Amino acid sequence: MSKKLIKSGMIVSFMTLLSRIMGLVRDIVIANLLGAGAAADVFFFANRIPNFLRRLFAEGAFNQAFVPVMTEYKKEGDEEKVRELLAAVSGTLGGIVTIVTLLGVLFSGVLTALFGWGWFWEWLHGGPSAEKFEMASLMLKITFPYLWFITFTAMAGAVLNTFGRFGVSSFTPIFLNITMIAAAWWVAPWLDDPELALALGVFFGGLVQFLFQFPFLRQLNMLVRPKWGWHHPGVVKIRTLMIPALFGVSVSQINLLLNTMLASFLATGAISHLYYSDRLLEFPLGLFGVAISTVILPALAKKHVDADSADFARTMDWGVRMVVLLGLPAMAGIGVLREPILRVLFMRGEFGMHEVSMSSASLLASVSGLLSLMLIKVLAPGYYARQDTKTPVRIGIIAMVANMVFNLAFIYPLDYVGLALSTACSGTVNAFLLYRGLSQHGVYRITRETWSFFLRLLLATVTMSLLLWQLSPSLAQWGEWNMLKASWELTKLLILGGGTYGGILLLTGIRLHHLKAGREG
């Protein structure tokens, strides 16, 4: 079991790595084109709303509800029943998402006013930010159809994952990055408002991702004609699981939208600074957290169907170990090297040293919650695989309320940095409560051996962090170097940090068998 999970995890991680690298290239291109000013604020706003709904209708709540049910149908061995389930699910979900997409395009101004209240207020009173509201409303009409494309893309990816074809769905997001980069390079120069080119890139990126997975579904004989099936038994079960999960798995996205709304009242650039710091978090979160979550959910669902509680707990333990092994040094490394990372990746064109400094402040606050956000990706499937969506909802409500409280407590003294810190703190609350629930119900408890494993990881992380902090030059020095010199110096620090971390782990007795489920520490 463990070898299969490790192999699947490596496939997903590698494909996700390619996607995240292209995502970083895309963000570098965006930073060069728009910087962190009004145009960037508007584009990031218009892109965030359909992405939030994507988590509801596609990758988040739907995926968590669909995979366990799909696993049950697949286990029965009747391919025709599986095809009927897919037809009913795609037709029903597709019908709902089509309506939502049309409403989103028609009422983009209402959505902009709702989530960009500060801009709407300026527009209503003829303030200096009125143009932001008008442009955001227009751009949202272009980006909103992305929701329709990506919903079917995510469903196809969930089917492929259930059949063990993890690489295809992990590779698919690369096409979004490619189309956005192409739009920035070849379309933006022809437009007075270059941010519109990026919005077009989002639209066509969704279309390409949608079409890409068709041949792979056909190979599995799972390319079906959608039909309405609201009362299909499988659809009933999925929507019963999905409705409460809509809130539970999207708490972090709701928090981000609340932060965006509050940021619309702050100075120009606040949304952009939060975006760039959030994007750097998405790299390790997607590469490690999402990758491990992707392979662990079908495995946990199978263990639950087989009523193998011991192996279920061992699989959970493997996931938690992997997340902490990779997430702890990532969190510390980004925290210590946040300024040189931002300088090397984004400081060009419209993105200068001031933007590096401002974005690094929010990145430090955001990265403090990275490990918690990664743990959520592994702990939440412990509930969804057992078809328990109500408990994460209750926990999600608590986390969202906590985020609101943290926002009110932090935004006045810390401005936009307080919004980033509030998201990190609420993520930690979420992760803690998810683990406590699993522990109280005897589903999963961290073993003494795993605690010992964690302590050794912590020692290695602290040693690595102190060394990097001592050797890293000042921000002024980083700014004086040219791009080649800065990139080389950052690469040396990253290699030194990784080598130190790995070396300390070896010295403290960590070996390959510690990374396998069910083995002692």
Protein backbone atom coordinates (compact mmCIF):
# COMPACT_ATOMS: atom_id res chain seq x y z
CA MET A 1 0.00 0.00 0.00
CA SER A 2 2.66 2.47 1.02
CA LYS A 3 4.79 1.87 -2.09
CA LYS A 4 1.77 2.42 -4.30
CA LEU A 5 0.90 5.65 -2.48
CA ILE A 6 4.49 6.88 -2.68
CA LYS A 7 4.60 6.12 -6.42
CA SER A 8 1.26 7.86 -7.02
CA GLY A 9 2.35 10.76 -4.83
CA MET A 10 5.59 11.12 -6.81
CA ILE A 11 3.69 11.15 -10.11
CA VAL A 12 1.28 13.79 -8.90
CA SER A 13 4.08 15.81 -7.28
CA PHE A 14 6.15 15.76 -10.47
CA MET A 15 3.24 16.82 -12.66
CA THR A 16 2.20 19.39 -10.09
CA LEU A 17 5.79 20.65 -9.97
CA LEU A 18 5.70 21.28 -13.72
CA SER A 19 2.38 23.06 -13.32
CA ARG A 20 3.60 25.18 -10.40
CA ILE A 21 6.77 26.13 -12.25
CA MET A 22 4.66 27.29 -15.17
CA GLY A 23 2.41 29.06 -12.66
CA LEU A 24 5.42 30.93 -11.29
CA VAL A 25 6.46 31.86 -14.82
CA ARG A 26 2.92 33.12 -15.39
CA ASP A 27 3.04 35.22 -12.20
CA ILE A 28 6.44 36.60 -13.21
CA VAL A 29 4.95 37.65 -16.54
CA ILE A 30 1.95 39.23 -14.76
CA ALA A 31 4.21 41.08 -12.31
CA ASN A 32 6.29 42.40 -15.21
CA LEU A 33 3.16 43.48 -17.09
CA LEU A 34 1.02 44.91 -14.29
CA GLY A 35 3.22 45.26 -11.20
CA ALA A 36 1.20 45.72 -8.01
CA GLY A 37 -0.96 48.70 -8.98
CA ALA A 38 -4.60 49.30 -9.82
CA ALA A 39 -4.62 47.13 -12.98
CA ALA A 40 -3.16 44.20 -11.05
CA ASP A 41 -5.67 44.66 -8.22
CA VAL A 42 -8.56 44.55 -10.69
CA PHE A 43 -7.33 41.46 -12.54
CA PHE A 44 -6.64 39.49 -9.37
CA PHE A 45 -10.10 40.42 -8.12
CA ALA A 46 -11.83 39.32 -11.34
CA ASN A 47 -9.87 36.06 -11.33
CA ARG A 48 -10.53 35.23 -7.67
CA ILE A 49 -14.35 35.02 -7.79
CA PRO A 50 -14.65 32.24 -10.43
CA ASN A 51 -11.79 30.44 -8.73
CA PHE A 52 -13.69 30.58 -5.45
CA LEU A 53 -16.75 29.02 -7.11
CA ARG A 54 -14.47 26.45 -8.74
CA ARG A 55 -13.64 25.18 -5.25
CA LEU A 56 -17.37 24.81 -4.57
CA PHE A 57 -18.55 23.17 -7.78
CA ALA A 58 -15.37 21.46 -8.87
CA GLU A 59 -12.16 20.57 -7.09
CA GLY A 60 -13.32 21.10 -3.52
CA ALA A 61 -16.73 20.03 -2.29
CA PHE A 62 -17.70 18.07 -5.39
CA ASN A 63 -14.45 16.11 -5.52
CA GLN A 64 -14.65 15.20 -1.84
CA ALA A 65 -18.22 13.92 -2.27
CA PHE A 66 -17.83 12.34 -5.71
CA VAL A 67 -14.69 10.23 -5.22
CA PRO A 68 -16.02 8.03 -2.36
CA VAL A 69 -19.28 7.34 -4.23
CA MET A 70 -17.43 6.70 -7.48
CA THR A 71 -15.14 4.29 -5.61
CA GLU A 72 -18.16 2.34 -4.36
CA TYR A 73 -19.64 2.02 -7.86
CA LYS A 74 -16.28 1.05 -9.34
CA LYS A 75 -15.76 -1.63 -6.67
CA GLU A 76 -18.98 -3.35 -7.72
CA GLY A 77 -17.35 -4.09 -11.07
CA ASP A 78 -20.33 -3.07 -13.22
CA GLU A 79 -18.93 -0.66 -15.81
CA GLU A 80 -22.36 0.24 -17.17
CA LYS A 81 -23.51 1.43 -13.74
CA VAL A 82 -20.37 3.55 -13.45
CA ARG A 83 -21.11 5.10 -16.86
CA GLU A 84 -24.72 5.79 -15.83
CA LEU A 85 -23.47 7.50 -12.67
CA LEU A 86 -21.09 9.70 -14.70
CA ALA A 87 -23.82 10.61 -17.18
CA ALA A 88 -26.22 11.59 -14.40
CA VAL A 89 -23.61 13.50 -12.41
CA SER A 90 -22.23 15.41 -15.41
CA GLY A 91 -25.72 16.28 -16.64
CA THR A 92 -27.01 17.41 -13.26
CA LEU A 93 -23.91 19.28 -12.18
CA GLY A 94 -23.49 20.71 -15.67
CA GLY A 95 -27.04 22.05 -15.70
CA ILE A 96 -26.59 23.79 -12.36
CA VAL A 97 -23.20 25.25 -13.26
CA THR A 98 -24.52 26.49 -16.62
CA ILE A 99 -27.21 28.50 -14.83
CA VAL A 100 -24.71 29.83 -12.27
CA THR A 101 -22.30 30.82 -15.07
CA LEU A 102 -24.96 32.69 -17.03
CA LEU A 103 -26.08 34.53 -13.91
CA GLY A 104 -22.49 35.40 -13.08
CA VAL A 105 -21.91 36.90 -16.52
CA LEU A 106 -25.19 38.82 -16.54
CA PHE A 107 -24.84 40.15 -13.00
CA SER A 108 -21.09 40.68 -12.83
CA GLY A 109 -21.67 44.20 -11.55
CA VAL A 110 -23.62 42.90 -8.57
CA LEU A 111 -20.85 40.43 -7.71
CA THR A 112 -18.24 43.16 -8.03
CA ALA A 113 -20.22 45.39 -5.71
CA LEU A 114 -20.65 42.55 -3.22
CA PHE A 115 -17.00 41.47 -3.01
CA GLY A 116 -15.40 44.81 -3.90
CA TRP A 117 -17.57 46.99 -1.72
CA GLY A 118 -14.85 49.59 -1.28
CA TRP A 119 -14.60 50.11 -5.06
CA PHE A 120 -18.39 50.16 -5.44
CA TRP A 121 -18.65 52.82 -2.74
CA GLU A 122 -16.08 54.92 -4.59
CA TRP A 123 -17.97 54.45 -7.88
CA LEU A 124 -21.25 55.37 -6.22
CA HIS A 125 -19.79 58.63 -4.91
CA GLY A 126 -17.52 59.44 -7.85
CA GLY A 127 -14.32 58.65 -5.95
CA PRO A 128 -10.85 57.98 -7.38
CA SER A 129 -11.35 54.19 -7.35
CA ALA A 130 -14.57 54.28 -9.40
CA GLU A 131 -12.70 53.08 -12.51
CA LYS A 132 -11.63 49.94 -10.64
CA PHE A 133 -15.27 48.96 -10.12
CA GLU A 134 -16.15 49.45 -13.80
CA MET A 135 -13.13 47.53 -15.08
CA ALA A 136 -13.60 44.70 -12.57
CA SER A 137 -17.24 44.29 -13.66
CA LEU A 138 -16.18 44.03 -17.31
CA MET A 139 -13.35 41.62 -16.64
CA LEU A 140 -15.57 39.39 -14.52
CA LYS A 141 -17.81 38.85 -17.56
CA ILE A 142 -14.78 37.45 -19.38
CA THR A 143 -13.34 35.32 -16.57
CA PHE A 144 -16.57 33.90 -15.15
CA PRO A 145 -17.12 31.24 -17.89
CA TYR A 146 -13.87 29.67 -16.65
CA LEU A 147 -16.07 28.19 -13.91
CA TRP A 148 -18.05 26.17 -16.48
CA PHE A 149 -14.98 24.75 -18.20
CA ILE A 150 -13.07 23.92 -15.03
CA THR A 151 -16.03 22.19 -13.38
CA PHE A 152 -16.12 19.51 -16.08
CA THR A 153 -12.33 19.42 -16.13
CA ALA A 154 -12.28 18.70 -12.40
CA MET A 155 -14.94 16.00 -12.72
CA ALA A 156 -12.97 14.30 -15.48
CA GLY A 157 -9.86 14.53 -13.33
CA ALA A 158 -11.66 12.91 -10.39
CA VAL A 159 -12.69 10.01 -12.65
CA LEU A 160 -9.14 9.58 -13.91
CA ASN A 161 -7.78 9.66 -10.34
CA THR A 162 -10.25 6.97 -9.29
CA PHE A 163 -8.86 4.78 -12.07
CA GLY A 164 -5.29 5.55 -10.95
CA ARG A 165 -4.50 7.98 -13.79
CA PHE A 166 -3.18 10.72 -11.49
CA GLY A 167 -0.70 12.25 -13.91
CA VAL A 168 -3.25 13.52 -16.45
CA SER A 169 -5.30 15.65 -14.06
CA SER A 170 -2.14 16.95 -12.36
CA PHE A 171 -0.68 18.01 -15.72
CA THR A 172 -3.85 19.71 -17.00
CA PRO A 173 -3.44 23.07 -15.15
CA ILE A 174 -0.30 23.74 -17.19
CA PHE A 175 -2.51 24.72 -20.11
CA LEU A 176 -4.07 27.59 -18.16
CA ASN A 177 -0.60 28.96 -17.44
CA ILE A 178 0.44 28.62 -21.07
CA THR A 179 -2.60 30.47 -22.41
CA MET A 180 -2.21 33.31 -19.88
CA ILE A 181 1.48 33.70 -20.70
CA ALA A 182 0.67 33.70 -24.42
CA ALA A 183 -2.04 36.33 -23.87
CA ALA A 184 0.37 38.54 -21.92
CA TRP A 185 3.07 38.28 -24.59
CA TRP A 186 1.04 38.45 -27.80
CA VAL A 187 -2.35 39.98 -27.00
CA ALA A 188 -1.61 42.57 -24.29
CA PRO A 189 0.60 44.76 -26.54
CA TRP A 190 -2.41 45.34 -28.80
CA LEU A 191 -4.74 46.49 -26.01
CA ASP A 192 -4.94 49.77 -24.11
CA ASP A 193 -5.78 47.81 -20.96
CA PRO A 194 -3.35 44.86 -20.78
CA GLU A 195 -5.26 43.26 -17.90
CA LEU A 196 -8.04 42.43 -20.39
CA ALA A 197 -5.59 40.19 -22.26
CA LEU A 198 -5.02 38.19 -19.08
CA ALA A 199 -8.76 37.81 -18.61
CA LEU A 200 -9.00 36.38 -22.14
CA GLY A 201 -6.14 34.05 -21.24
CA VAL A 202 -8.17 32.73 -18.30
CA PHE A 203 -11.19 32.09 -20.55
CA PHE A 204 -9.27 30.19 -23.24
CA GLY A 205 -7.17 28.41 -20.61
CA GLY A 206 -10.35 26.91 -19.18
CA LEU A 207 -11.46 25.82 -22.66
CA VAL A 208 -8.16 24.06 -23.43
CA GLN A 209 -8.15 22.24 -20.08
CA PHE A 210 -11.74 21.13 -20.72
CA LEU A 211 -10.86 19.60 -24.11
CA PHE A 212 -7.53 18.06 -23.07
CA GLN A 213 -8.95 15.25 -20.92
CA PHE A 214 -11.45 13.92 -23.48
CA PRO A 215 -9.08 11.39 -25.12
CA PHE A 216 -8.09 9.92 -21.74
CA LEU A 217 -11.71 9.45 -20.71
CA ARG A 218 -12.37 7.76 -24.05
CA GLN A 219 -9.49 5.33 -23.39
CA LEU A 220 -11.23 4.29 -20.16
CA ASN A 221 -14.60 4.11 -21.94
CA MET A 222 -15.82 6.80 -19.53
CA LEU A 223 -16.68 9.52 -22.04
CA VAL A 224 -20.46 9.65 -21.66
CA ARG A 225 -23.33 11.85 -22.82
CA PRO A 226 -24.58 14.00 -19.90
CA LYS A 227 -28.20 13.66 -18.84
CA TRP A 228 -30.27 15.18 -16.08
CA GLY A 229 -30.39 12.81 -13.11
CA TRP A 230 -31.39 14.70 -9.97
CA HIS A 231 -33.03 11.59 -8.49
CA HIS A 232 -30.39 9.08 -9.58
CA PRO A 233 -29.32 7.19 -6.40
CA GLY A 234 -25.67 8.09 -6.90
CA VAL A 235 -26.47 11.75 -7.53
CA VAL A 236 -28.69 11.83 -4.45
CA LYS A 237 -25.84 10.44 -2.37
CA ILE A 238 -23.30 12.85 -3.86
CA ARG A 239 -25.44 15.94 -3.35
CA THR A 240 -26.29 14.81 0.17
CA LEU A 241 -22.57 14.68 0.89
CA MET A 242 -21.74 17.72 -1.20
CA ILE A 243 -24.18 20.29 0.18
CA PRO A 244 -22.61 20.51 3.64
CA ALA A 245 -19.15 20.05 2.13
CA LEU A 246 -19.74 23.15 -0.01
CA PHE A 247 -19.04 25.18 3.07
CA GLY A 248 -16.61 22.89 4.83
CA VAL A 249 -13.92 22.65 2.14
CA SER A 250 -14.21 26.25 0.95
CA VAL A 251 -13.69 28.00 4.28
CA SER A 252 -10.22 29.15 3.27
CA GLN A 253 -11.61 30.51 -0.01
CA ILE A 254 -14.43 32.32 1.80
CA ASN A 255 -11.80 33.82 4.09
CA LEU A 256 -9.82 34.98 1.05
CA LEU A 257 -12.93 36.62 -0.41
CA LEU A 258 -13.62 38.37 2.88
CA ASN A 259 -10.01 39.52 2.88
CA THR A 260 -10.42 40.76 -0.70
CA MET A 261 -13.52 42.73 0.24
CA LEU A 262 -11.73 44.33 3.19
CA ALA A 263 -8.64 44.98 1.05
CA SER A 264 -10.80 46.95 -1.41
CA PHE A 265 -11.06 49.61 1.31
CA LEU A 266 -7.27 49.79 1.69
CA ALA A 267 -4.71 51.58 -0.44
CA THR A 268 -4.07 50.57 -4.04
CA GLY A 269 -1.79 47.55 -4.17
CA ALA A 270 -3.18 45.76 -1.10
CA ILE A 271 -4.93 43.06 -3.16
CA SER A 272 -1.83 42.60 -5.33
CA HIS A 273 0.54 42.24 -2.36
CA LEU A 274 -1.76 39.62 -0.87
CA TYR A 275 -1.98 37.84 -4.23
CA TYR A 276 1.78 37.54 -4.75
CA SER A 277 2.35 36.24 -1.22
CA ASP A 278 -0.56 33.83 -1.61
CA ARG A 279 0.83 32.54 -4.92
CA LEU A 280 4.18 31.68 -3.33
CA LEU A 281 2.28 29.70 -0.69
CA GLU A 282 0.36 27.89 -3.41
CA PHE A 283 3.60 26.41 -4.76
CA PRO A 284 4.42 24.15 -1.76
CA LEU A 285 0.74 23.79 -0.88
CA GLY A 286 -0.06 22.41 -4.31
CA LEU A 287 3.18 20.52 -4.79
CA PHE A 288 3.01 18.71 -1.44
CA GLY A 289 -0.34 19.23 0.30
CA VAL A 290 -2.68 18.88 -2.67
CA ALA A 291 -0.56 16.12 -4.26
CA ILE A 292 -0.68 13.99 -1.10
CA SER A 293 -4.38 14.75 -0.63
CA THR A 294 -5.10 13.73 -4.23
CA VAL A 295 -3.63 10.26 -3.82
CA ILE A 296 -4.77 9.69 -0.25
CA LEU A 297 -8.50 10.27 -0.73
CA PRO A 298 -9.17 7.31 -3.09
CA ALA A 299 -6.98 5.09 -0.86
CA LEU A 300 -8.85 6.13 2.29
CA ALA A 301 -12.21 5.66 0.57
CA LYS A 302 -11.20 2.11 -0.38
CA LYS A 303 -10.08 1.33 3.18
CA HIS A 304 -13.42 2.57 4.46
CA VAL A 305 -15.35 0.47 1.94
CA ASP A 306 -13.23 -2.54 2.96
CA ALA A 307 -13.88 -1.76 6.66
CA ASP A 308 -10.14 -1.81 7.34
CA SER A 309 -9.85 0.75 10.14
CA ALA A 310 -6.24 -0.13 11.03
CA ASP A 311 -5.00 0.41 7.49
CA PHE A 312 -7.14 3.55 7.29
CA ALA A 313 -5.25 4.98 10.29
CA ARG A 314 -1.89 3.93 8.85
CA THR A 315 -2.71 5.67 5.57
CA MET A 316 -3.69 8.81 7.47
CA ASP A 317 -0.43 8.62 9.42
CA TRP A 318 1.57 8.32 6.22
CA GLY A 319 -0.13 11.42 4.83
CA VAL A 320 0.52 13.47 7.96
CA ARG A 321 4.18 12.38 8.07
CA MET A 322 4.71 13.35 4.45
CA VAL A 323 3.05 16.74 4.92
CA VAL A 324 5.15 17.63 7.96
CA LEU A 325 8.35 16.26 6.37
CA LEU A 326 7.91 18.56 3.37
CA GLY A 327 5.82 21.38 4.81
CA LEU A 328 7.90 22.29 7.85
CA PRO A 329 11.12 23.16 5.95
CA ALA A 330 9.09 24.83 3.18
CA MET A 331 7.40 27.09 5.72
CA ALA A 332 10.67 28.00 7.44
CA GLY A 333 12.63 28.42 4.21
CA ILE A 334 10.08 30.74 2.62
CA GLY A 335 9.83 32.72 5.84
CA VAL A 336 13.60 33.29 6.08
CA LEU A 337 14.21 33.83 2.34
CA ARG A 338 10.96 35.63 1.52
CA GLU A 339 12.61 38.85 0.29
CA PRO A 340 15.23 37.27 -2.00
CA ILE A 341 12.60 34.88 -3.38
CA LEU A 342 10.28 37.78 -4.26
CA ARG A 343 13.20 39.77 -5.65
CA VAL A 344 14.38 36.97 -7.95
CA LEU A 345 10.93 35.90 -9.10
CA PHE A 346 9.07 39.16 -9.56
CA MET A 347 11.36 42.22 -9.51
CA ARG A 348 11.25 43.32 -13.13
CA GLY A 349 9.17 45.69 -15.25
CA GLU A 350 6.43 47.28 -13.12
CA PHE A 351 7.44 45.32 -10.01
CA GLY A 352 10.23 47.12 -8.13
CA MET A 353 12.00 46.99 -4.78
CA HIS A 354 9.10 48.75 -3.03
CA GLU A 355 6.72 46.02 -4.19
CA VAL A 356 9.19 43.35 -2.99
CA SER A 357 9.29 44.91 0.47
CA MET A 358 5.51 45.31 0.73
CA SER A 359 4.74 41.81 -0.53
CA SER A 360 7.36 40.23 1.74
CA ALA A 361 5.53 41.59 4.79
CA SER A 362 2.29 39.79 3.86
CA LEU A 363 4.25 36.69 2.81
CA LEU A 364 5.81 36.39 6.27
CA ALA A 365 2.34 36.53 7.82
CA SER A 366 0.85 34.09 5.31
CA VAL A 367 3.62 31.50 5.50
CA SER A 368 3.12 31.10 9.25
CA GLY A 369 -0.03 29.13 8.40
CA LEU A 370 1.40 27.03 5.56
CA LEU A 371 1.84 23.82 7.55
CA SER A 372 -1.70 24.12 8.94
CA LEU A 373 -3.16 24.58 5.45
CA MET A 374 -1.22 21.53 4.23
CA LEU A 375 -2.43 19.43 7.16
CA ILE A 376 -6.03 20.37 6.37
CA LYS A 377 -5.53 18.81 2.92
CA VAL A 378 -4.71 15.48 4.60
CA LEU A 379 -6.95 15.58 7.67
CA ALA A 380 -10.15 16.58 5.86
CA PRO A 381 -10.11 13.45 3.60
CA GLY A 382 -10.21 11.44 6.85
CA TYR A 383 -13.80 12.65 7.16
CA TYR A 384 -14.82 12.72 3.49
CA ALA A 385 -13.56 9.18 2.81
CA ARG A 386 -15.92 8.02 5.58
CA GLN A 387 -18.68 10.12 3.97
CA ASP A 388 -18.83 12.43 6.98
CA THR A 389 -19.23 15.95 5.62
CA LYS A 390 -21.11 17.47 8.55
CA THR A 391 -18.18 17.54 10.99
CA PRO A 392 -15.87 19.53 8.68
CA VAL A 393 -18.74 21.97 8.14
CA ARG A 394 -19.07 22.63 11.86
CA ILE A 395 -15.32 23.04 12.11
CA GLY A 396 -15.34 25.28 9.05
CA ILE A 397 -17.92 27.58 10.61
CA ILE A 398 -15.77 27.94 13.70
CA ALA A 399 -12.69 28.67 11.56
CA MET A 400 -14.53 31.27 9.48
CA VAL A 401 -15.84 33.06 12.57
CA ALA A 402 -12.31 32.96 13.97
CA ASN A 403 -11.04 34.53 10.75
CA MET A 404 -13.51 37.39 11.09
CA VAL A 405 -12.41 37.98 14.66
CA PHE A 406 -8.76 37.88 13.65
CA ASN A 407 -9.49 40.32 10.80
CA LEU A 408 -11.01 42.84 13.18
CA ALA A 409 -8.14 42.36 15.63
CA PHE A 410 -5.30 42.61 13.10
CA ILE A 411 -6.40 44.93 10.26
CA TYR A 412 -6.18 48.18 12.22
CA PRO A 413 -2.59 47.82 13.50
CA LEU A 414 -1.23 45.73 10.60
CA ASP A 415 -3.25 46.87 7.53
CA TYR A 416 -3.17 44.29 4.69
CA VAL A 417 -0.58 42.21 6.59
CA GLY A 418 -3.25 41.66 9.24
CA LEU A 419 -5.51 40.09 6.61
CA ALA A 420 -2.79 37.61 5.69
CA LEU A 421 -2.12 36.81 9.34
CA SER A 422 -5.82 36.25 10.05
CA THR A 423 -6.02 33.64 7.28
CA ALA A 424 -2.99 31.83 8.72
CA CYS A 425 -4.45 31.83 12.23
CA SER A 426 -7.87 30.58 11.11
CA GLY A 427 -6.18 27.81 9.12
CA THR A 428 -4.39 26.70 12.26
CA VAL A 429 -7.69 26.63 14.15
CA ASN A 430 -9.21 24.55 11.35
CA ALA A 431 -6.37 22.00 11.29
CA PHE A 432 -6.34 21.62 15.07
CA LEU A 433 -10.08 20.98 15.27
CA LEU A 434 -9.99 18.50 12.38
CA TYR A 435 -7.30 16.48 14.13
CA ARG A 436 -9.04 16.66 17.50
CA GLY A 437 -12.23 15.30 15.96
CA LEU A 438 -10.45 12.35 14.33
CA SER A 439 -8.64 11.62 17.59
CA GLN A 440 -11.75 11.79 19.77
CA HIS A 441 -13.59 9.36 17.51
CA GLY A 442 -10.66 6.93 17.44
CA VAL A 443 -10.20 7.29 13.68
CA TYR A 444 -6.64 8.55 13.80
CA ARG A 445 -4.21 9.50 16.55
CA ILE A 446 -0.59 10.52 16.10
CA THR A 447 1.55 7.71 17.51
CA ARG A 448 4.51 8.10 19.87
CA GLU A 449 6.83 7.06 17.05
CA THR A 450 5.40 9.75 14.77
CA TRP A 451 5.84 12.39 17.49
CA SER A 452 9.49 11.33 17.70
CA PHE A 453 9.70 11.67 13.93
CA PHE A 454 8.26 15.21 14.18
CA LEU A 455 10.80 16.27 16.81
CA ARG A 456 13.66 15.25 14.56
CA LEU A 457 12.10 17.20 11.69
CA LEU A 458 11.78 20.23 13.95
CA LEU A 459 15.46 20.04 14.96
CA ALA A 460 16.52 19.87 11.31
CA THR A 461 14.23 22.77 10.38
CA VAL A 462 15.47 25.05 13.16
CA THR A 463 19.10 24.32 12.27
CA MET A 464 18.44 25.02 8.60
CA SER A 465 16.58 28.26 9.38
CA LEU A 466 19.29 29.66 11.64
CA LEU A 467 21.95 28.94 9.03
CA LEU A 468 19.98 30.59 6.22
CA TRP A 469 19.15 33.61 8.38
CA GLN A 470 22.82 34.05 9.28
CA LEU A 471 24.11 33.75 5.71
CA SER A 472 21.40 35.63 3.77
CA PRO A 473 22.47 39.18 2.70
CA SER A 474 20.32 42.24 3.38
CA LEU A 475 17.48 43.25 1.08
CA ALA A 476 19.49 46.26 -0.07
CA GLN A 477 22.29 43.94 -1.17
CA TRP A 478 19.85 41.72 -3.06
CA GLY A 479 18.50 44.83 -4.82
CA GLU A 480 21.97 45.93 -5.96
CA TRP A 481 22.76 42.61 -7.64
CA ASN A 482 21.69 41.93 -11.21
CA MET A 483 19.22 39.14 -11.89
CA LEU A 484 21.86 36.52 -12.71
CA LYS A 485 23.84 37.23 -9.55
CA ALA A 486 20.75 37.31 -7.34
CA SER A 487 19.45 34.05 -8.83
CA TRP A 488 22.78 32.32 -8.27
CA GLU A 489 23.03 33.49 -4.66
CA LEU A 490 19.46 32.35 -3.94
CA THR A 491 20.12 28.99 -5.57
CA LYS A 492 23.18 28.47 -3.37
CA LEU A 493 21.15 29.25 -0.25
CA LEU A 494 18.36 26.88 -1.28
CA ILE A 495 20.83 24.06 -1.96
CA LEU A 496 22.59 24.75 1.34
CA GLY A 497 19.27 24.78 3.19
CA GLY A 498 18.07 21.55 1.60
CA GLY A 499 21.41 19.86 2.23
CA THR A 500 21.44 20.97 5.87
CA TYR A 501 17.90 19.74 6.43
CA GLY A 502 18.59 16.36 4.83
CA GLY A 503 21.92 16.00 6.63
CA ILE A 504 20.42 16.64 10.08
CA LEU A 505 17.67 14.12 9.35
CA LEU A 506 20.28 11.49 8.51
CA LEU A 507 22.29 12.32 11.63
CA THR A 508 19.18 11.94 13.81
CA GLY A 509 18.44 8.51 12.37
CA ILE A 510 15.74 9.23 9.78
CA ARG A 511 15.77 6.56 7.07
CA LEU A 512 13.61 5.62 4.10
CA HIS A 513 11.47 3.20 6.11
CA HIS A 514 10.23 6.10 8.24
CA LEU A 515 8.44 7.39 5.15
CA LYS A 516 6.42 4.20 4.76
CA ALA A 517 3.04 3.75 6.34
CA GLY A 518 2.80 1.48 9.32
CA ARG A 519 6.47 1.52 10.20
CA GLU A 520 7.88 2.63 13.52
CA GLY A 521 9.83 5.87 13.99
